[in-house]
Amino acid sequence: MGCDRRAVVGHGIGYARVSTADQDPQLQLDALSAADCLKVYTDTATGTKADRPQWNACLADLRRGDTLLIWKIDRLGRNLRDLIDIVTTLQTRGVGVRSLTNGSTLTQELLG
């Protein structure tokens, strides 16, 4: 069981984040569900907050060959430097990162 094999090599693991409890993550969750992710982690935390429990669980679950799927790149990092650090760290671990709405693999876009 996994994601659409045309898009990823291993499993697709999804991550969704909203900043406040009054925001609804359903649009993100629907998109990740349509991408047939094996698992989806959801946080309600501002992007400036470094401690995001579900993000930490997501990171622990990702394995070499997996692809982290996010709805939009601003759901992943707090700022450009943080986003580059996250993508670089995941690339080093052999994990891809793909944005569903930006239609791209972030490793190529951000790192060269």
PDB file of N, CA and C in Angstrom:
ATOM      1  N   MET A   1       0.849  -1.174   0.000  1.00  0.00           N
ATOM      2  CA  MET A   1       0.000   0.000   0.000  1.00  0.00           C
ATOM      3  C   MET A   1       0.891   1.231   0.000  1.00  0.00           C
ATOM      4  N   GLY A   2       0.572   2.243  -0.812  1.00  0.00           N
ATOM      5  CA  GLY A   2       1.384   3.439  -0.872  1.00  0.00           C
ATOM      6  C   GLY A   2       0.741   4.478  -1.753  1.00  0.00           C
ATOM      7  N   CYS A   3       1.542   5.429  -2.152  1.00  0.00           N
ATOM      8  CA  CYS A   3       1.069   6.522  -2.993  1.00  0.00           C
ATOM      9  C   CYS A   3       1.150   6.137  -4.462  1.00  0.00           C
ATOM     10  N   ASP A   4       0.638   6.973  -5.294  1.00  0.00           N
ATOM     11  CA  ASP A   4       0.731   6.839  -6.736  1.00  0.00           C
ATOM     12  C   ASP A   4       2.197   6.638  -7.112  1.00  0.00           C
ATOM     13  N   ARG A   5       2.532   5.497  -7.657  1.00  0.00           N
ATOM     14  CA  ARG A   5       3.928   5.153  -7.926  1.00  0.00           C
ATOM     15  C   ARG A   5       4.556   6.011  -9.013  1.00  0.00           C
ATOM     16  N   ARG A   6       3.783   6.712  -9.798  1.00  0.00           N
ATOM     17  CA  ARG A   6       4.357   7.625 -10.779  1.00  0.00           C
ATOM     18  C   ARG A   6       4.982   8.815 -10.085  1.00  0.00           C
ATOM     19  N   ALA A   7       4.533   9.146  -8.902  1.00  0.00           N
ATOM     20  CA  ALA A   7       4.998  10.338  -8.209  1.00  0.00           C
ATOM     21  C   ALA A   7       6.089  10.037  -7.188  1.00  0.00           C
ATOM     22  N   VAL A   8       6.107   8.851  -6.632  1.00  0.00           N
ATOM     23  CA  VAL A   8       7.042   8.528  -5.563  1.00  0.00           C
ATOM     24  C   VAL A   8       7.606   7.132  -5.756  1.00  0.00           C
ATOM     25  N   VAL A   9       8.738   6.882  -5.126  1.00  0.00           N
ATOM     26  CA  VAL A   9       9.357   5.564  -5.197  1.00  0.00           C
ATOM     27  C   VAL A   9       8.882   4.702  -4.039  1.00  0.00           C
ATOM     28  N   GLY A  10       8.982   5.193  -2.813  1.00  0.00           N
ATOM     29  CA  GLY A  10       8.546   4.457  -1.629  1.00  0.00           C
ATOM     30  C   GLY A  10       7.117   4.827  -1.301  1.00  0.00           C
ATOM     31  N   HIS A  11       6.847   4.979  -0.050  1.00  0.00           N
ATOM     32  CA  HIS A  11       5.511   5.388   0.389  1.00  0.00           C
ATOM     33  C   HIS A  11       5.377   6.903   0.365  1.00  0.00           C
ATOM     34  N   GLY A  12       4.169   7.341   0.176  1.00  0.00           N
ATOM     35  CA  GLY A  12       3.865   8.762   0.303  1.00  0.00           C
ATOM     36  C   GLY A  12       3.343   9.006   1.704  1.00  0.00           C
ATOM     37  N   ILE A  13       3.991   9.906   2.406  1.00  0.00           N
ATOM     38  CA  ILE A  13       3.582  10.281   3.753  1.00  0.00           C
ATOM     39  C   ILE A  13       3.165  11.750   3.682  1.00  0.00           C
ATOM     40  N   GLY A  14       1.953  12.061   4.123  1.00  0.00           N
ATOM     41  CA  GLY A  14       1.447  13.413   4.027  1.00  0.00           C
ATOM     42  C   GLY A  14       1.587  14.192   5.315  1.00  0.00           C
ATOM     43  N   TYR A  15       1.722  15.507   5.163  1.00  0.00           N
ATOM     44  CA  TYR A  15       1.757  16.392   6.315  1.00  0.00           C
ATOM     45  C   TYR A  15       0.908  17.618   6.019  1.00  0.00           C
ATOM     46  N   ALA A  16      -0.013  17.926   6.930  1.00  0.00           N
ATOM     47  CA  ALA A  16      -0.878  19.095   6.814  1.00  0.00           C
ATOM     48  C   ALA A  16      -0.719  19.923   8.083  1.00  0.00           C
ATOM     49  N   ARG A  17      -0.805  21.261   7.905  1.00  0.00           N
ATOM     50  CA  ARG A  17      -0.692  22.133   9.071  1.00  0.00           C
ATOM     51  C   ARG A  17      -1.582  23.354   8.893  1.00  0.00           C
ATOM     52  N   VAL A  18      -2.288  23.680   9.955  1.00  0.00           N
ATOM     53  CA  VAL A  18      -3.002  24.954  10.041  1.00  0.00           C
ATOM     54  C   VAL A  18      -2.426  25.707  11.233  1.00  0.00           C
ATOM     55  N   SER A  19      -2.527  27.024  11.180  1.00  0.00           N
ATOM     56  CA  SER A  19      -1.900  27.853  12.216  1.00  0.00           C
ATOM     57  C   SER A  19      -2.711  27.974  13.494  1.00  0.00           C
ATOM     58  N   THR A  20      -4.058  27.968  13.366  1.00  0.00           N
ATOM     59  CA  THR A  20      -4.902  28.151  14.544  1.00  0.00           C
ATOM     60  C   THR A  20      -6.037  27.128  14.542  1.00  0.00           C
ATOM     61  N   ALA A  21      -6.613  26.914  15.703  1.00  0.00           N
ATOM     62  CA  ALA A  21      -7.685  25.930  15.841  1.00  0.00           C
ATOM     63  C   ALA A  21      -8.930  26.302  15.050  1.00  0.00           C
ATOM     64  N   ASP A  22      -9.121  27.580  14.735  1.00  0.00           N
ATOM     65  CA  ASP A  22     -10.315  27.959  13.980  1.00  0.00           C
ATOM     66  C   ASP A  22     -10.131  27.795  12.464  1.00  0.00           C
ATOM     67  N   GLN A  23      -8.943  27.422  12.034  1.00  0.00           N
ATOM     68  CA  GLN A  23      -8.718  27.128  10.616  1.00  0.00           C
ATOM     69  C   GLN A  23      -9.030  25.663  10.352  1.00  0.00           C
ATOM     70  N   ASP A  24      -9.509  25.372   9.154  1.00  0.00           N
ATOM     71  CA  ASP A  24      -9.910  24.019   8.789  1.00  0.00           C
ATOM     72  C   ASP A  24      -8.886  23.403   7.834  1.00  0.00           C
ATOM     73  N   PRO A  25      -8.268  22.295   8.210  1.00  0.00           N
ATOM     74  CA  PRO A  25      -7.275  21.655   7.343  1.00  0.00           C
ATOM     75  C   PRO A  25      -7.888  20.763   6.255  1.00  0.00           C
ATOM     76  N   GLN A  26      -9.215  20.755   6.135  1.00  0.00           N
ATOM     77  CA  GLN A  26      -9.877  19.789   5.265  1.00  0.00           C
ATOM     78  C   GLN A  26      -9.411  19.848   3.808  1.00  0.00           C
ATOM     79  N   LEU A  27      -9.175  21.033   3.264  1.00  0.00           N
ATOM     80  CA  LEU A  27      -8.706  21.154   1.892  1.00  0.00           C
ATOM     81  C   LEU A  27      -7.366  20.436   1.711  1.00  0.00           C
ATOM     82  N   GLN A  28      -6.477  20.629   2.664  1.00  0.00           N
ATOM     83  CA  GLN A  28      -5.180  19.937   2.627  1.00  0.00           C
ATOM     84  C   GLN A  28      -5.369  18.431   2.746  1.00  0.00           C
ATOM     85  N   LEU A  29      -6.212  18.021   3.686  1.00  0.00           N
ATOM     86  CA  LEU A  29      -6.436  16.592   3.919  1.00  0.00           C
ATOM     87  C   LEU A  29      -7.070  15.918   2.704  1.00  0.00           C
ATOM     88  N   ASP A  30      -8.001  16.613   2.048  1.00  0.00           N
ATOM     89  CA  ASP A  30      -8.620  16.060   0.839  1.00  0.00           C
ATOM     90  C   ASP A  30      -7.586  15.851  -0.264  1.00  0.00           C
ATOM     91  N   ALA A  31      -6.717  16.832  -0.445  1.00  0.00           N
ATOM     92  CA  ALA A  31      -5.679  16.729  -1.480  1.00  0.00           C
ATOM     93  C   ALA A  31      -4.707  15.596  -1.168  1.00  0.00           C
ATOM     94  N   LEU A  32      -4.319  15.461   0.085  1.00  0.00           N
ATOM     95  CA  LEU A  32      -3.402  14.387   0.469  1.00  0.00           C
ATOM     96  C   LEU A  32      -4.076  13.023   0.345  1.00  0.00           C
ATOM     97  N   SER A  33      -5.365  12.970   0.652  1.00  0.00           N
ATOM     98  CA  SER A  33      -6.119  11.727   0.492  1.00  0.00           C
ATOM     99  C   SER A  33      -6.202  11.340  -0.984  1.00  0.00           C
ATOM    100  N   ALA A  34      -6.416  12.323  -1.851  1.00  0.00           N
ATOM    101  CA  ALA A  34      -6.482  12.059  -3.285  1.00  0.00           C
ATOM    102  C   ALA A  34      -5.141  11.569  -3.827  1.00  0.00           C
ATOM    103  N   ALA A  35      -4.055  11.944  -3.149  1.00  0.00           N
ATOM    104  CA  ALA A  35      -2.722  11.491  -3.544  1.00  0.00           C
ATOM    105  C   ALA A  35      -2.436  10.090  -3.004  1.00  0.00           C
ATOM    106  N   ASP A  36      -3.415   9.513  -2.291  1.00  0.00           N
ATOM    107  CA  ASP A  36      -3.330   8.143  -1.775  1.00  0.00           C
ATOM    108  C   ASP A  36      -2.153   7.929  -0.824  1.00  0.00           C
ATOM    109  N   CYS A  37      -1.968   8.873   0.098  1.00  0.00           N
ATOM    110  CA  CYS A  37      -0.887   8.757   1.074  1.00  0.00           C
ATOM    111  C   CYS A  37      -1.125   7.576   2.010  1.00  0.00           C
ATOM    112  N   LEU A  38      -0.050   6.937   2.364  1.00  0.00           N
ATOM    113  CA  LEU A  38      -0.112   5.830   3.316  1.00  0.00           C
ATOM    114  C   LEU A  38      -0.569   6.334   4.684  1.00  0.00           C
ATOM    115  N   LYS A  39      -0.031   7.473   5.106  1.00  0.00           N
ATOM    116  CA  LYS A  39      -0.368   8.113   6.382  1.00  0.00           C
ATOM    117  C   LYS A  39      -0.383   9.613   6.171  1.00  0.00           C
ATOM    118  N   VAL A  40      -1.151  10.308   7.005  1.00  0.00           N
ATOM    119  CA  VAL A  40      -1.165  11.768   6.985  1.00  0.00           C
ATOM    120  C   VAL A  40      -1.081  12.262   8.426  1.00  0.00           C
ATOM    121  N   TYR A  41      -0.160  13.159   8.664  1.00  0.00           N
ATOM    122  CA  TYR A  41       0.015  13.787   9.971  1.00  0.00           C
ATOM    123  C   TYR A  41      -0.509  15.215   9.893  1.00  0.00           C
ATOM    124  N   THR A  42      -1.195  15.663  10.945  1.00  0.00           N
ATOM    125  CA  THR A  42      -1.788  16.997  10.951  1.00  0.00           C
ATOM    126  C   THR A  42      -1.452  17.727  12.246  1.00  0.00           C
ATOM    127  N   ASP A  43      -0.943  18.947  12.104  1.00  0.00           N
ATOM    128  CA  ASP A  43      -0.648  19.800  13.250  1.00  0.00           C
ATOM    129  C   ASP A  43      -1.511  21.048  13.207  1.00  0.00           C
ATOM    130  N   THR A  44      -1.845  21.546  14.391  1.00  0.00           N
ATOM    131  CA  THR A  44      -2.424  22.867  14.527  1.00  0.00           C
ATOM    132  C   THR A  44      -1.406  23.666  15.321  1.00  0.00           C
ATOM    133  N   ALA A  45      -0.582  24.413  14.581  1.00  0.00           N
ATOM    134  CA  ALA A  45       0.493  25.177  15.209  1.00  0.00           C
ATOM    135  C   ALA A  45       0.978  26.220  14.223  1.00  0.00           C
ATOM    136  N   THR A  46       1.312  27.366  14.721  1.00  0.00           N
ATOM    137  CA  THR A  46       1.848  28.394  13.856  1.00  0.00           C
ATOM    138  C   THR A  46       3.154  27.925  13.224  1.00  0.00           C
ATOM    139  N   GLY A  47       3.428  28.388  12.030  1.00  0.00           N
ATOM    140  CA  GLY A  47       4.648  27.991  11.334  1.00  0.00           C
ATOM    141  C   GLY A  47       5.905  28.443  12.045  1.00  0.00           C
ATOM    142  N   THR A  48       5.794  29.452  12.906  1.00  0.00           N
ATOM    143  CA  THR A  48       6.961  29.927  13.634  1.00  0.00           C
ATOM    144  C   THR A  48       7.274  29.067  14.850  1.00  0.00           C
ATOM    145  N   LYS A  49       6.371  28.181  15.188  1.00  0.00           N
ATOM    146  CA  LYS A  49       6.574  27.298  16.339  1.00  0.00           C
ATOM    147  C   LYS A  49       7.413  26.103  15.913  1.00  0.00           C
ATOM    148  N   ALA A  50       8.562  25.949  16.514  1.00  0.00           N
ATOM    149  CA  ALA A  50       9.465  24.866  16.144  1.00  0.00           C
ATOM    150  C   ALA A  50       8.947  23.506  16.619  1.00  0.00           C
ATOM    151  N   ASP A  51       8.272  23.475  17.761  1.00  0.00           N
ATOM    152  CA  ASP A  51       7.800  22.214  18.315  1.00  0.00           C
ATOM    153  C   ASP A  51       6.403  21.891  17.787  1.00  0.00           C
ATOM    154  N   ARG A  52       6.369  21.018  16.789  1.00  0.00           N
ATOM    155  CA  ARG A  52       5.104  20.568  16.215  1.00  0.00           C
ATOM    156  C   ARG A  52       5.073  19.050  16.380  1.00  0.00           C
ATOM    157  N   PRO A  53       4.289  18.529  17.321  1.00  0.00           N
ATOM    158  CA  PRO A  53       4.315  17.099  17.654  1.00  0.00           C
ATOM    159  C   PRO A  53       4.068  16.167  16.467  1.00  0.00           C
ATOM    160  N   GLN A  54       3.090  16.485  15.643  1.00  0.00           N
ATOM    161  CA  GLN A  54       2.803  15.602  14.505  1.00  0.00           C
ATOM    162  C   GLN A  54       3.895  15.704  13.438  1.00  0.00           C
ATOM    163  N   TRP A  55       4.512  16.855  13.310  1.00  0.00           N
ATOM    164  CA  TRP A  55       5.642  17.001  12.393  1.00  0.00           C
ATOM    165  C   TRP A  55       6.800  16.122  12.864  1.00  0.00           C
ATOM    166  N   ASN A  56       7.054  16.127  14.169  1.00  0.00           N
ATOM    167  CA  ASN A  56       8.112  15.273  14.715  1.00  0.00           C
ATOM    168  C   ASN A  56       7.807  13.795  14.469  1.00  0.00           C
ATOM    169  N   ALA A  57       6.551  13.394  14.629  1.00  0.00           N
ATOM    170  CA  ALA A  57       6.157  11.999  14.366  1.00  0.00           C
ATOM    171  C   ALA A  57       6.302  11.672  12.883  1.00  0.00           C
ATOM    172  N   CYS A  58       5.937  12.607  12.034  1.00  0.00           N
ATOM    173  CA  CYS A  58       6.069  12.430  10.592  1.00  0.00           C
ATOM    174  C   CYS A  58       7.536  12.221  10.222  1.00  0.00           C
ATOM    175  N   LEU A  59       8.406  13.076  10.746  1.00  0.00           N
ATOM    176  CA  LEU A  59       9.839  12.936  10.470  1.00  0.00           C
ATOM    177  C   LEU A  59      10.374  11.577  10.909  1.00  0.00           C
ATOM    178  N   ALA A  60       9.919  11.114  12.061  1.00  0.00           N
ATOM    179  CA  ALA A  60      10.366   9.821  12.576  1.00  0.00           C
ATOM    180  C   ALA A  60       9.879   8.665  11.699  1.00  0.00           C
ATOM    181  N   ASP A  61       8.760   8.852  11.026  1.00  0.00           N
ATOM    182  CA  ASP A  61       8.165   7.792  10.215  1.00  0.00           C
ATOM    183  C   ASP A  61       8.752   7.704   8.806  1.00  0.00           C
ATOM    184  N   LEU A  62       9.308   8.785   8.310  1.00  0.00           N
ATOM    185  CA  LEU A  62       9.832   8.805   6.941  1.00  0.00           C
ATOM    186  C   LEU A  62      11.082   7.942   6.820  1.00  0.00           C
ATOM    187  N   ARG A  63      11.108   7.121   5.777  1.00  0.00           N
ATOM    188  CA  ARG A  63      12.225   6.208   5.500  1.00  0.00           C
ATOM    189  C   ARG A  63      12.812   6.504   4.125  1.00  0.00           C
ATOM    190  N   ARG A  64      14.037   6.057   3.909  1.00  0.00           N
ATOM    191  CA  ARG A  64      14.689   6.200   2.605  1.00  0.00           C
ATOM    192  C   ARG A  64      13.749   5.683   1.515  1.00  0.00           C
ATOM    193  N   GLY A  65      13.592   6.470   0.462  1.00  0.00           N
ATOM    194  CA  GLY A  65      12.722   6.097  -0.647  1.00  0.00           C
ATOM    195  C   GLY A  65      11.310   6.639  -0.525  1.00  0.00           C
ATOM    196  N   ASP A  66      10.922   7.093   0.667  1.00  0.00           N
ATOM    197  CA  ASP A  66       9.602   7.695   0.855  1.00  0.00           C
ATOM    198  C   ASP A  66       9.592   9.110   0.275  1.00  0.00           C
ATOM    199  N   THR A  67       8.389   9.628   0.080  1.00  0.00           N
ATOM    200  CA  THR A  67       8.218  11.012  -0.330  1.00  0.00           C
ATOM    201  C   THR A  67       7.263  11.695   0.638  1.00  0.00           C
ATOM    202  N   LEU A  68       7.694  12.830   1.166  1.00  0.00           N
ATOM    203  CA  LEU A  68       6.840  13.654   1.999  1.00  0.00           C
ATOM    204  C   LEU A  68       5.981  14.488   1.068  1.00  0.00           C
ATOM    205  N   LEU A  69       4.668  14.359   1.195  1.00  0.00           N
ATOM    206  CA  LEU A  69       3.734  15.127   0.381  1.00  0.00           C
ATOM    207  C   LEU A  69       3.097  16.206   1.237  1.00  0.00           C
ATOM    208  N   ILE A  70       3.135  17.422   0.727  1.00  0.00           N
ATOM    209  CA  ILE A  70       2.511  18.544   1.404  1.00  0.00           C
ATOM    210  C   ILE A  70       1.586  19.229   0.412  1.00  0.00           C
ATOM    211  N   TRP A  71       0.576  19.895   0.923  1.00  0.00           N
ATOM    212  CA  TRP A  71      -0.375  20.576   0.063  1.00  0.00           C
ATOM    213  C   TRP A  71       0.266  21.779  -0.612  1.00  0.00           C
ATOM    214  N   LYS A  72       1.026  22.559   0.168  1.00  0.00           N
ATOM    215  CA  LYS A  72       1.642  23.783  -0.323  1.00  0.00           C
ATOM    216  C   LYS A  72       2.922  24.018   0.478  1.00  0.00           C
ATOM    217  N   ILE A  73       3.932  24.588  -0.139  1.00  0.00           N
ATOM    218  CA  ILE A  73       5.226  24.691   0.538  1.00  0.00           C
ATOM    219  C   ILE A  73       5.185  25.512   1.820  1.00  0.00           C
ATOM    220  N   ASP A  74       4.274  26.468   1.926  1.00  0.00           N
ATOM    221  CA  ASP A  74       4.231  27.267   3.152  1.00  0.00           C
ATOM    222  C   ASP A  74       3.699  26.489   4.347  1.00  0.00           C
ATOM    223  N   ARG A  75       3.190  25.291   4.135  1.00  0.00           N
ATOM    224  CA  ARG A  75       2.740  24.432   5.230  1.00  0.00           C
ATOM    225  C   ARG A  75       3.896  23.696   5.879  1.00  0.00           C
ATOM    226  N   LEU A  76       5.051  23.704   5.229  1.00  0.00           N
ATOM    227  CA  LEU A  76       6.182  22.920   5.709  1.00  0.00           C
ATOM    228  C   LEU A  76       7.155  23.720   6.572  1.00  0.00           C
ATOM    229  N   GLY A  77       7.627  24.857   6.086  1.00  0.00           N
ATOM    230  CA  GLY A  77       8.661  25.585   6.796  1.00  0.00           C
ATOM    231  C   GLY A  77       8.197  26.916   7.337  1.00  0.00           C
ATOM    232  N   ARG A  78       8.952  27.430   8.296  1.00  0.00           N
ATOM    233  CA  ARG A  78       8.636  28.706   8.926  1.00  0.00           C
ATOM    234  C   ARG A  78       9.084  29.880   8.074  1.00  0.00           C
ATOM    235  N   ASN A  79      10.139  29.674   7.304  1.00  0.00           N
ATOM    236  CA  ASN A  79      10.677  30.699   6.409  1.00  0.00           C
ATOM    237  C   ASN A  79      11.527  29.971   5.360  1.00  0.00           C
ATOM    238  N   LEU A  80      12.091  30.697   4.421  1.00  0.00           N
ATOM    239  CA  LEU A  80      12.842  30.067   3.346  1.00  0.00           C
ATOM    240  C   LEU A  80      14.039  29.283   3.868  1.00  0.00           C
ATOM    241  N   ARG A  81      14.753  29.846   4.830  1.00  0.00           N
ATOM    242  CA  ARG A  81      15.929  29.149   5.385  1.00  0.00           C
ATOM    243  C   ARG A  81      15.508  27.834   6.047  1.00  0.00           C
ATOM    244  N   ASP A  82      14.421  27.859   6.807  1.00  0.00           N
ATOM    245  CA  ASP A  82      13.911  26.658   7.462  1.00  0.00           C
ATOM    246  C   ASP A  82      13.480  25.627   6.418  1.00  0.00           C
ATOM    247  N   LEU A  83      12.811  26.084   5.377  1.00  0.00           N
ATOM    248  CA  LEU A  83      12.360  25.196   4.311  1.00  0.00           C
ATOM    249  C   LEU A  83      13.551  24.520   3.629  1.00  0.00           C
ATOM    250  N   ILE A  84      14.591  25.292   3.320  1.00  0.00           N
ATOM    251  CA  ILE A  84      15.782  24.724   2.698  1.00  0.00           C
ATOM    252  C   ILE A  84      16.444  23.714   3.626  1.00  0.00           C
ATOM    253  N   ASP A  85      16.531  24.033   4.916  1.00  0.00           N
ATOM    254  CA  ASP A  85      17.124  23.100   5.891  1.00  0.00           C
ATOM    255  C   ASP A  85      16.337  21.792   5.956  1.00  0.00           C
ATOM    256  N   ILE A  86      15.008  21.885   5.979  1.00  0.00           N
ATOM    257  CA  ILE A  86      14.171  20.686   6.036  1.00  0.00           C
ATOM    258  C   ILE A  86      14.371  19.828   4.794  1.00  0.00           C
ATOM    259  N   VAL A  87      14.307  20.458   3.625  1.00  0.00           N
ATOM    260  CA  VAL A  87      14.447  19.708   2.372  1.00  0.00           C
ATOM    261  C   VAL A  87      15.848  19.092   2.261  1.00  0.00           C
ATOM    262  N   THR A  88      16.880  19.842   2.663  1.00  0.00           N
ATOM    263  CA  THR A  88      18.252  19.324   2.622  1.00  0.00           C
ATOM    264  C   THR A  88      18.408  18.124   3.545  1.00  0.00           C
ATOM    265  N   THR A  89      17.878  18.232   4.753  1.00  0.00           N
ATOM    266  CA  THR A  89      17.955  17.131   5.716  1.00  0.00           C
ATOM    267  C   THR A  89      17.240  15.897   5.182  1.00  0.00           C
ATOM    268  N   LEU A  90      16.049  16.085   4.625  1.00  0.00           N
ATOM    269  CA  LEU A  90      15.309  14.947   4.085  1.00  0.00           C
ATOM    270  C   LEU A  90      16.019  14.347   2.874  1.00  0.00           C
ATOM    271  N   GLN A  91      16.590  15.185   2.024  1.00  0.00           N
ATOM    272  CA  GLN A  91      17.322  14.690   0.858  1.00  0.00           C
ATOM    273  C   GLN A  91      18.500  13.827   1.310  1.00  0.00           C
ATOM    274  N   THR A  92      19.204  14.271   2.342  1.00  0.00           N
ATOM    275  CA  THR A  92      20.326  13.503   2.886  1.00  0.00           C
ATOM    276  C   THR A  92      19.869  12.134   3.373  1.00  0.00           C
ATOM    277  N   ARG A  93      18.652  12.069   3.880  1.00  0.00           N
ATOM    278  CA  ARG A  93      18.085  10.798   4.365  1.00  0.00           C
ATOM    279  C   ARG A  93      17.494   9.957   3.232  1.00  0.00           C
ATOM    280  N   GLY A  94      17.496  10.481   2.001  1.00  0.00           N
ATOM    281  CA  GLY A  94      16.931   9.750   0.871  1.00  0.00           C
ATOM    282  C   GLY A  94      15.424   9.868   0.765  1.00  0.00           C
ATOM    283  N   VAL A  95      14.873  10.936   1.348  1.00  0.00           N
ATOM    284  CA  VAL A  95      13.435  11.185   1.337  1.00  0.00           C
ATOM    285  C   VAL A  95      13.149  12.343   0.387  1.00  0.00           C
ATOM    286  N   GLY A  96      12.204  12.160  -0.515  1.00  0.00           N
ATOM    287  CA  GLY A  96      11.795  13.225  -1.416  1.00  0.00           C
ATOM    288  C   GLY A  96      10.747  14.103  -0.775  1.00  0.00           C
ATOM    289  N   VAL A  97      10.558  15.287  -1.338  1.00  0.00           N
ATOM    290  CA  VAL A  97       9.534  16.213  -0.865  1.00  0.00           C
ATOM    291  C   VAL A  97       8.797  16.728  -2.086  1.00  0.00           C
ATOM    292  N   ARG A  98       7.472  16.607  -2.050  1.00  0.00           N
ATOM    293  CA  ARG A  98       6.666  17.054  -3.190  1.00  0.00           C
ATOM    294  C   ARG A  98       5.494  17.898  -2.709  1.00  0.00           C
ATOM    295  N   SER A  99       5.321  19.050  -3.347  1.00  0.00           N
ATOM    296  CA  SER A  99       4.196  19.935  -3.073  1.00  0.00           C
ATOM    297  C   SER A  99       3.087  19.632  -4.077  1.00  0.00           C
ATOM    298  N   LEU A 100       1.875  19.403  -3.586  1.00  0.00           N
ATOM    299  CA  LEU A 100       0.761  19.075  -4.471  1.00  0.00           C
ATOM    300  C   LEU A 100       0.273  20.281  -5.260  1.00  0.00           C
ATOM    301  N   THR A 101       0.213  21.456  -4.653  1.00  0.00           N
ATOM    302  CA  THR A 101      -0.304  22.624  -5.364  1.00  0.00           C
ATOM    303  C   THR A 101       0.761  23.347  -6.167  1.00  0.00           C
ATOM    304  N   ASN A 102       2.007  23.235  -5.760  1.00  0.00           N
ATOM    305  CA  ASN A 102       3.066  23.879  -6.514  1.00  0.00           C
ATOM    306  C   ASN A 102       3.521  22.997  -7.674  1.00  0.00           C
ATOM    307  N   GLY A 103       3.039  21.741  -7.686  1.00  0.00           N
ATOM    308  CA  GLY A 103       3.311  20.838  -8.794  1.00  0.00           C
ATOM    309  C   GLY A 103       4.767  20.556  -9.021  1.00  0.00           C
ATOM    310  N   SER A 104       5.532  20.458  -7.963  1.00  0.00           N
ATOM    311  CA  SER A 104       6.954  20.243  -8.160  1.00  0.00           C
ATOM    312  C   SER A 104       7.558  19.424  -7.038  1.00  0.00           C
ATOM    313  N   THR A 105       8.750  18.923  -7.354  1.00  0.00           N
ATOM    314  CA  THR A 105       9.561  18.274  -6.347  1.00  0.00           C
ATOM    315  C   THR A 105      10.439  19.360  -5.746  1.00  0.00           C
ATOM    316  N   LEU A 106      10.314  19.578  -4.466  1.00  0.00           N
ATOM    317  CA  LEU A 106      10.993  20.702  -3.838  1.00  0.00           C
ATOM    318  C   LEU A 106      12.502  20.570  -3.824  1.00  0.00           C
ATOM    319  N   THR A 107      13.019  19.357  -3.845  1.00  0.00           N
ATOM    320  CA  THR A 107      14.469  19.180  -3.839  1.00  0.00           C
ATOM    321  C   THR A 107      15.070  19.859  -5.066  1.00  0.00           C
ATOM    322  N   GLN A 108      14.471  19.667  -6.218  1.00  0.00           N
ATOM    323  CA  GLN A 108      14.971  20.278  -7.450  1.00  0.00           C
ATOM    324  C   GLN A 108      14.803  21.786  -7.420  1.00  0.00           C
ATOM    325  N   GLU A 109      13.663  22.242  -6.961  1.00  0.00           N
ATOM    326  CA  GLU A 109      13.350  23.667  -6.955  1.00  0.00           C
ATOM    327  C   GLU A 109      14.233  24.465  -5.991  1.00  0.00           C
ATOM    328  N   LEU A 110      14.440  23.946  -4.806  1.00  0.00           N
ATOM    329  CA  LEU A 110      15.146  24.702  -3.785  1.00  0.00           C
ATOM    330  C   LEU A 110      16.663  24.494  -3.803  1.00  0.00           C
ATOM    331  N   LEU A 111      17.081  23.309  -4.210  1.00  0.00           N
ATOM    332  CA  LEU A 111      18.486  22.979  -4.064  1.00  0.00           C
ATOM    333  C   LEU A 111      19.252  22.910  -5.380  1.00  0.00           C
ATOM    334  N   GLY A 112      18.585  23.139  -6.478  1.00  0.00           N
ATOM    335  CA  GLY A 112      19.348  23.146  -7.713  1.00  0.00           C
ATOM    336  C   GLY A 112      18.674  22.451  -8.784  1.00  0.00           C
TER     337      GLY A 112
END
